[in-house]
Protein backbone atom coordinates (compact mmCIF):
# COMPACT_ATOMS: atom_id res chain seq x y z
CA MET A 1 -86.77 89.97 -12.17
CA LEU A 2 -83.43 92.54 -12.51
CA GLU A 3 -81.82 90.08 -10.21
CA TRP A 4 -82.47 87.01 -12.49
CA ALA A 5 -81.72 89.24 -15.77
CA SER A 6 -78.11 89.75 -14.36
CA LEU A 7 -77.60 86.25 -13.17
CA ARG A 8 -78.47 84.30 -16.24
CA GLY A 9 -75.34 85.66 -18.00
CA ARG A 10 -73.30 83.86 -15.52
CA PRO A 11 -72.16 80.83 -17.42
CA ASP A 12 -72.63 78.26 -14.43
CA VAL A 13 -76.49 79.37 -14.64
CA ARG A 14 -76.43 79.21 -18.46
CA GLU A 15 -75.27 75.49 -18.01
CA ALA A 16 -77.78 74.64 -15.35
CA ASN A 17 -80.71 76.02 -17.38
CA GLY A 18 -79.60 74.55 -20.56
CA LEU A 19 -78.39 77.68 -22.60
CA SER A 20 -75.10 78.38 -23.65
CA SER A 21 -75.44 82.07 -24.35
CA PRO A 22 -77.12 84.99 -22.90
CA GLY A 23 -79.85 85.07 -25.50
CA GLY A 24 -80.61 81.26 -25.12
CA ALA A 25 -79.31 79.89 -28.16
CA PRO A 26 -77.80 76.46 -28.15
CA ASP A 27 -74.32 75.59 -27.66
CA PRO A 28 -72.67 74.99 -31.14
CA ARG A 29 -69.77 73.44 -29.59
CA PRO A 30 -69.95 69.46 -30.06
CA THR A 31 -70.06 67.28 -27.15
CA ARG A 32 -66.81 65.48 -26.81
CA LYS A 33 -67.37 61.57 -26.07
CA THR A 34 -65.45 59.63 -23.84
CA GLY A 35 -63.17 56.95 -25.40
CA ILE A 36 -63.55 53.37 -24.40
CA SER A 37 -61.11 51.00 -22.88
CA LEU A 38 -61.17 47.63 -24.46
CA ALA A 39 -60.35 44.53 -22.34
CA LEU A 40 -59.86 41.86 -25.25
CA GLY A 41 -60.29 38.37 -23.80
CA GLY A 42 -58.04 35.10 -24.50
CA GLY A 43 -59.69 32.12 -26.72
CA CYS A 44 -57.33 30.76 -29.02
CA ALA A 45 -58.89 30.57 -32.48
CA ARG A 46 -62.07 32.45 -31.38
CA GLY A 47 -59.81 35.44 -30.80
CA TRP A 48 -60.18 36.07 -34.24
CA ALA A 49 -63.31 37.55 -33.49
CA HIS A 50 -61.59 40.71 -31.83
CA ILE A 51 -60.56 41.66 -35.53
CA GLY A 52 -64.32 42.38 -36.30
CA VAL A 53 -65.05 43.97 -33.04
CA LEU A 54 -62.36 46.65 -33.81
CA ARG A 55 -63.60 46.70 -37.62
CA ALA A 56 -66.98 47.61 -36.30
CA LEU A 57 -65.65 50.36 -33.69
CA ASP A 58 -63.75 51.97 -36.20
CA GLU A 59 -66.58 51.89 -38.70
CA ALA A 60 -68.87 53.23 -36.14
CA GLY A 61 -66.27 56.42 -35.15
CA ILE A 62 -65.75 55.28 -31.67
CA GLU A 63 -62.54 56.15 -29.88
CA ILE A 64 -60.32 53.69 -28.29
CA SER A 65 -58.24 55.08 -25.47
CA MET A 66 -56.42 52.08 -24.34
CA ILE A 67 -56.40 48.54 -24.81
CA ALA A 68 -55.81 45.62 -22.10
CA GLY A 69 -55.11 41.99 -23.83
CA THR A 70 -54.96 38.51 -22.74
CA SER A 71 -53.72 35.81 -25.19
CA ILE A 72 -54.99 36.24 -28.51
CA GLY A 73 -56.46 39.40 -27.42
CA ALA A 74 -52.91 40.64 -26.66
CA LEU A 75 -52.08 39.66 -30.50
CA VAL A 76 -55.06 41.34 -32.14
CA GLY A 77 -54.69 44.64 -29.86
CA GLY A 78 -50.95 44.92 -30.26
CA CYS A 79 -51.55 44.86 -33.95
CA TYR A 80 -54.26 47.14 -34.26
CA LEU A 81 -52.57 49.73 -31.95
CA ALA A 82 -49.18 48.93 -34.39
CA GLY A 83 -51.36 50.03 -37.41
CA LYS A 84 -51.09 46.36 -38.14
CA LEU A 85 -54.41 44.90 -38.28
CA ASP A 86 -54.78 44.73 -42.02
CA GLU A 87 -52.00 42.68 -42.53
CA LEU A 88 -53.13 40.26 -39.34
CA GLU A 89 -56.39 40.02 -40.77
CA GLU A 90 -55.01 39.10 -44.32
CA PHE A 91 -52.97 36.55 -42.48
CA ALA A 92 -55.99 35.22 -40.47
CA ARG A 93 -58.46 34.69 -43.47
CA SER A 94 -55.66 32.83 -45.38
CA LEU A 95 -54.98 30.01 -43.13
CA THR A 96 -56.05 26.59 -43.98
CA LYS A 97 -55.71 23.37 -41.87
CA ARG A 98 -52.61 22.59 -44.09
CA ARG A 99 -50.90 25.90 -43.68
CA ILE A 100 -51.59 26.01 -39.92
CA PHE A 101 -49.66 22.57 -39.87
CA GLY A 102 -46.95 24.17 -41.88
CA LEU A 103 -46.63 27.01 -39.19
CA LEU A 104 -46.10 24.69 -36.14
CA ASP A 105 -42.49 23.85 -35.48
CA PHE A 106 -42.42 20.41 -33.23
CA ASN A 107 -40.07 20.84 -30.21
CA LEU A 108 -40.68 17.31 -28.54
CA ARG A 109 -37.63 17.97 -26.20
CA GLY A 110 -38.62 21.39 -25.04
CA SER A 111 -41.30 22.87 -22.58
CA GLY A 112 -43.94 22.99 -25.21
CA LEU A 113 -45.06 21.06 -27.90
CA PHE A 114 -44.38 23.83 -30.49
CA GLY A 115 -41.66 26.19 -30.63
CA GLY A 116 -43.43 29.06 -31.71
CA MET A 117 -40.52 30.82 -33.64
CA LYS A 118 -42.32 30.16 -37.07
CA LEU A 119 -45.05 32.51 -35.74
CA ASP A 120 -42.51 34.54 -34.10
CA ALA A 121 -40.70 35.28 -37.38
CA ARG A 122 -44.30 36.17 -38.92
CA LEU A 123 -44.63 38.44 -36.22
CA ARG A 124 -41.25 40.44 -36.96
CA GLU A 125 -41.81 40.61 -40.54
CA HIS A 126 -44.63 43.67 -39.40
CA ILE A 127 -43.71 44.88 -35.88
CA ASP A 128 -39.80 44.05 -35.25
CA GLY A 129 -38.32 46.45 -33.44
CA MET A 130 -41.72 47.93 -32.11
CA ARG A 131 -41.89 48.86 -28.65
CA PHE A 132 -44.95 50.26 -26.29
CA GLN A 133 -43.55 53.44 -26.32
CA ASP A 134 -44.08 53.45 -30.01
CA LEU A 135 -47.93 52.93 -29.54
CA PRO A 136 -50.47 55.73 -30.17
CA LYS A 137 -52.55 54.50 -27.11
CA PRO A 138 -51.53 52.79 -23.86
CA PHE A 139 -51.61 49.01 -24.34
CA VAL A 140 -50.86 46.17 -21.86
CA CYS A 141 -50.68 42.49 -22.39
CA VAL A 142 -51.60 40.03 -19.49
CA ALA A 143 -49.00 37.14 -18.81
CA ALA A 144 -48.87 34.40 -15.89
CA GLU A 145 -45.53 33.43 -14.43
CA ILE A 146 -45.08 29.97 -14.61
CA ARG A 147 -42.62 29.37 -11.17
CA THR A 148 -44.97 31.86 -8.90
CA GLY A 149 -48.39 32.24 -10.54
CA HIS A 150 -48.06 35.75 -10.22
CA GLU A 151 -50.03 38.10 -12.61
CA ILE A 152 -47.91 39.84 -14.54
CA TRP A 153 -48.66 43.17 -16.77
CA LEU A 154 -46.36 43.83 -19.67
CA SER A 155 -46.24 47.47 -20.70
CA SER A 156 -42.93 48.53 -21.90
CA GLY A 157 -40.24 47.04 -23.93
CA SER A 158 -40.30 44.75 -26.65
CA LEU A 159 -44.00 44.34 -28.30
CA VAL A 160 -43.27 40.94 -29.87
CA THR A 161 -41.83 39.62 -26.74
CA ALA A 162 -44.93 40.71 -24.84
CA MET A 163 -47.41 39.42 -27.33
CA ARG A 164 -45.47 36.06 -27.55
CA ALA A 165 -45.66 35.82 -24.01
CA SER A 166 -49.26 36.43 -23.43
CA TYR A 167 -50.32 33.63 -25.96
CA ALA A 168 -47.85 30.87 -25.00
CA LEU A 169 -50.03 28.37 -24.15
CA PRO A 170 -48.86 25.81 -21.40
CA GLY A 171 -48.02 22.45 -22.92
CA VAL A 172 -48.20 23.77 -26.55
CA PHE A 173 -45.88 26.71 -26.95
CA GLU A 174 -42.39 27.40 -25.24
CA PRO A 175 -42.75 29.44 -22.29
CA VAL A 176 -40.96 33.04 -22.85
CA THR A 177 -38.18 34.34 -20.45
CA CYS A 178 -38.48 37.89 -19.87
CA ASN A 179 -35.98 39.86 -17.65
CA GLY A 180 -35.82 36.88 -15.43
CA ARG A 181 -39.26 36.02 -15.47
CA VAL A 182 -40.52 32.29 -17.28
CA LEU A 183 -43.85 33.65 -18.92
CA VAL A 184 -47.02 31.67 -20.09
CA ASP A 185 -50.38 32.46 -21.23
CA GLY A 186 -52.43 35.18 -19.52
CA ALA A 187 -55.60 33.64 -19.58
CA LEU A 188 -54.37 31.28 -16.71
CA VAL A 189 -54.92 34.19 -14.29
CA ASN A 190 -57.01 36.85 -16.27
CA PRO A 191 -58.59 35.74 -19.19
CA VAL A 192 -60.50 39.15 -19.57
CA PRO A 193 -58.36 41.90 -18.30
CA VAL A 194 -60.97 44.18 -17.01
CA SER A 195 -59.22 45.21 -13.78
CA VAL A 196 -56.10 46.22 -16.09
CA CYS A 197 -58.18 48.95 -17.51
CA ARG A 198 -59.96 50.00 -13.97
CA ALA A 199 -55.98 49.94 -12.92
CA HIS A 200 -55.39 52.84 -15.19
CA GLU A 201 -58.20 54.60 -14.21
CA GLN A 202 -60.11 54.36 -17.51
CA GLN A 203 -63.92 55.62 -17.62
CA LEU A 204 -65.71 53.40 -19.84
CA VAL A 205 -64.32 49.80 -19.89
CA VAL A 206 -65.85 47.45 -22.44
CA ALA A 207 -65.03 43.72 -22.21
CA VAL A 208 -65.19 41.02 -25.15
CA ASN A 209 -65.32 37.70 -23.63
CA LEU A 210 -64.97 35.02 -25.78
CA HIS A 211 -66.20 32.09 -23.82
CA TYR A 212 -69.30 33.10 -22.01
CA ASP A 213 -71.52 30.72 -23.81
CA LEU A 214 -69.60 27.55 -23.64
CA PHE A 215 -70.95 26.08 -20.54
CA GLY A 216 -73.83 28.25 -18.90
CA ARG A 217 -73.86 28.51 -15.23
CA ALA A 218 -71.60 26.14 -13.15
CA ALA A 219 -73.70 23.29 -11.38
CA VAL A 220 -73.05 20.99 -8.96
CA ILE A 221 -74.63 17.35 -9.62
CA LYS A 222 -74.75 14.36 -7.20
CA HIS A 223 -73.94 11.17 -9.29
CA ASP A 224 -73.43 8.05 -8.47
CA ALA A 225 -69.92 6.51 -9.02
CA GLY A 226 -71.03 3.22 -10.38
CA GLU A 227 -68.29 0.57 -11.19
CA LEU A 228 -65.04 1.10 -13.36
CA ALA A 229 -65.78 0.16 -16.76
CA PRO A 230 -63.41 -2.36 -18.29
CA GLU A 231 -60.38 -0.87 -20.05
CA LYS A 232 -61.19 -3.40 -23.28
CA PRO A 233 -64.15 -4.44 -24.19
CA ALA A 234 -64.73 -8.28 -24.00
CA ARG A 235 -64.44 -10.18 -27.44
CA GLY A 236 -68.14 -10.21 -28.95
CA ASP A 237 -69.29 -7.03 -26.95
CA VAL A 238 -71.02 -5.32 -29.77
CA GLU A 239 -71.84 -2.21 -27.38
CA ARG A 240 -68.99 0.45 -28.17
CA GLN A 241 -68.69 3.75 -26.86
CA PRO A 242 -70.06 6.06 -29.41
CA THR A 243 -67.71 8.07 -31.43
CA ASP A 244 -68.40 11.40 -30.40
CA MET A 245 -67.92 10.72 -26.76
CA ARG A 246 -64.20 9.47 -27.17
CA LEU A 247 -61.81 12.15 -26.21
CA GLY A 248 -58.01 12.10 -27.54
CA ILE A 249 -55.18 13.95 -25.47
CA THR A 250 -55.77 17.00 -27.41
CA GLY A 251 -59.18 17.03 -26.99
CA VAL A 252 -59.04 16.76 -23.10
CA MET A 253 -56.64 19.20 -22.79
CA VAL A 254 -58.27 21.54 -24.87
CA GLU A 255 -61.71 20.99 -23.11
CA ALA A 256 -60.00 21.43 -19.60
CA PHE A 257 -58.50 24.67 -20.67
CA ASN A 258 -62.02 25.81 -21.68
CA ILE A 259 -63.23 25.04 -18.37
CA ILE A 260 -60.37 27.04 -16.77
CA GLN A 261 -61.13 30.00 -18.68
CA ASP A 262 -64.92 30.02 -18.13
CA ARG A 263 -64.74 29.66 -14.38
CA ILE A 264 -61.89 32.07 -14.03
CA SER A 265 -63.67 34.75 -16.22
CA ARG A 266 -66.88 34.52 -14.18
CA ALA A 267 -65.00 34.70 -11.13
CA ARG A 268 -63.12 37.86 -12.34
CA LEU A 269 -65.82 39.60 -13.76
CA ALA A 270 -68.35 39.27 -11.18
CA GLY A 271 -65.86 40.87 -8.84
CA ASP A 272 -64.73 43.52 -11.50
CA PRO A 273 -67.41 43.98 -13.90
CA PRO A 274 -67.22 45.99 -16.78
CA ASP A 275 -69.44 48.63 -18.16
CA MET A 276 -70.22 46.87 -21.17
CA SER A 277 -69.55 43.18 -22.33
CA LEU A 278 -69.54 42.25 -25.84
CA GLN A 279 -70.16 38.35 -26.33
CA PRO A 280 -69.96 36.79 -29.48
CA LYS A 281 -71.47 33.75 -29.51
CA LEU A 282 -68.25 31.60 -30.84
CA SER A 283 -68.90 28.13 -28.67
CA HIS A 284 -69.04 26.09 -31.93
CA ILE A 285 -65.68 27.38 -33.05
CA GLY A 286 -63.05 25.13 -31.14
CA LEU A 287 -60.01 26.64 -29.54
CA THR A 288 -57.60 25.22 -32.36
CA GLU A 289 -59.71 25.98 -35.33
CA PHE A 290 -57.99 28.99 -36.49
CA HIS A 291 -58.84 28.38 -40.30
CA ARG A 292 -62.26 29.72 -39.23
CA ALA A 293 -61.22 33.11 -39.18
CA ASP A 294 -63.86 34.44 -41.47
CA GLU A 295 -66.67 33.25 -39.34
CA ALA A 296 -65.11 34.33 -36.41
CA ILE A 297 -64.19 37.75 -37.53
CA ARG A 298 -68.05 38.38 -38.61
CA ILE A 299 -69.48 37.43 -35.69
CA GLY A 300 -67.22 39.85 -33.79
CA TYR A 301 -68.23 42.30 -35.89
CA GLN A 302 -72.32 41.73 -36.14
CA THR A 303 -72.12 41.53 -32.16
CA THR A 304 -70.48 44.84 -32.04
CA MET A 305 -72.71 46.59 -34.30
CA ALA A 306 -75.48 45.64 -32.58
CA GLN A 307 -74.44 47.18 -29.33
CA ILE A 308 -73.08 50.56 -31.21
CA GLY A 309 -76.44 52.30 -29.96
CA GLU A 310 -75.75 51.43 -26.37
CA LEU A 311 -72.33 52.23 -26.40
CA THR A 312 -72.80 55.61 -27.76
CA ARG A 313 -75.34 56.24 -25.14
CA LEU A 314 -73.02 55.48 -22.26
CA GLN A 315 -70.10 57.68 -23.93
CA SER A 316 -72.75 60.37 -23.96
CA VAL A 317 -73.59 59.81 -20.12
CA LEU A 318 -69.84 59.80 -19.33
CA ALA A 319 -68.99 62.98 -21.44
């Protein structure tokens, strides 16, 4: 009995028995929760949902220890850490179809349909001259090198240049030349950059996947090839292809990019899963429908708030 009385005063024994003082009183010190590392995925216009995700995390008092972003995830994550999320949200909510068209600078002789300089100018209005080293938390933009297919992690230098490279969708925006490398959208190689957070030894990684509900599980279907349909129906042939089945050039490019992102995301996340995945249901918002920011932000916010309880539980477990 005397031996136990002398041992119970040791800190390790008190902790093992749920005591924090020799008298058995609860430890008044608050438990410090583990900060989360965010992997913000690509998704073009659906990426406005990231704004709602960040708003919900801030409202719940969840500390963010690091952000890795791909494509529009890099844009939103960079603006958040730079303290410019309010300006980005105001810009996103102000977009209309007509205003979006006014921001596009056609560049038919270049390597992309649009030069991207008008968007670049809007970015520089708020974060010109800002560098990664100026940010309060670690931040990584994911891009792809067009000549080699290498996955490029940008974590130093100009913030605007890195963000532009990460969202330079091939065929749409001009590639970005960065220290001798020609870079394009990182979604081609790592649409949801969980692996970046893991490489930085983050304890709790939360992924925001914007396209998990686009196609469902991949399937292999045996199908009869049939005969090639004539390019032009014969005169008097009243049977026409339904309007909603026709795909223009833009439609084909968009749907192809959807498939690529979905398949790569599933493969990468299966091999390196996050501790938690936030999956806003955004399949009804098209990749180019940037004017639907209000809806995307709301869905991102609601999806995150619904998972706050589970997220705080994970933080407590890892504390």
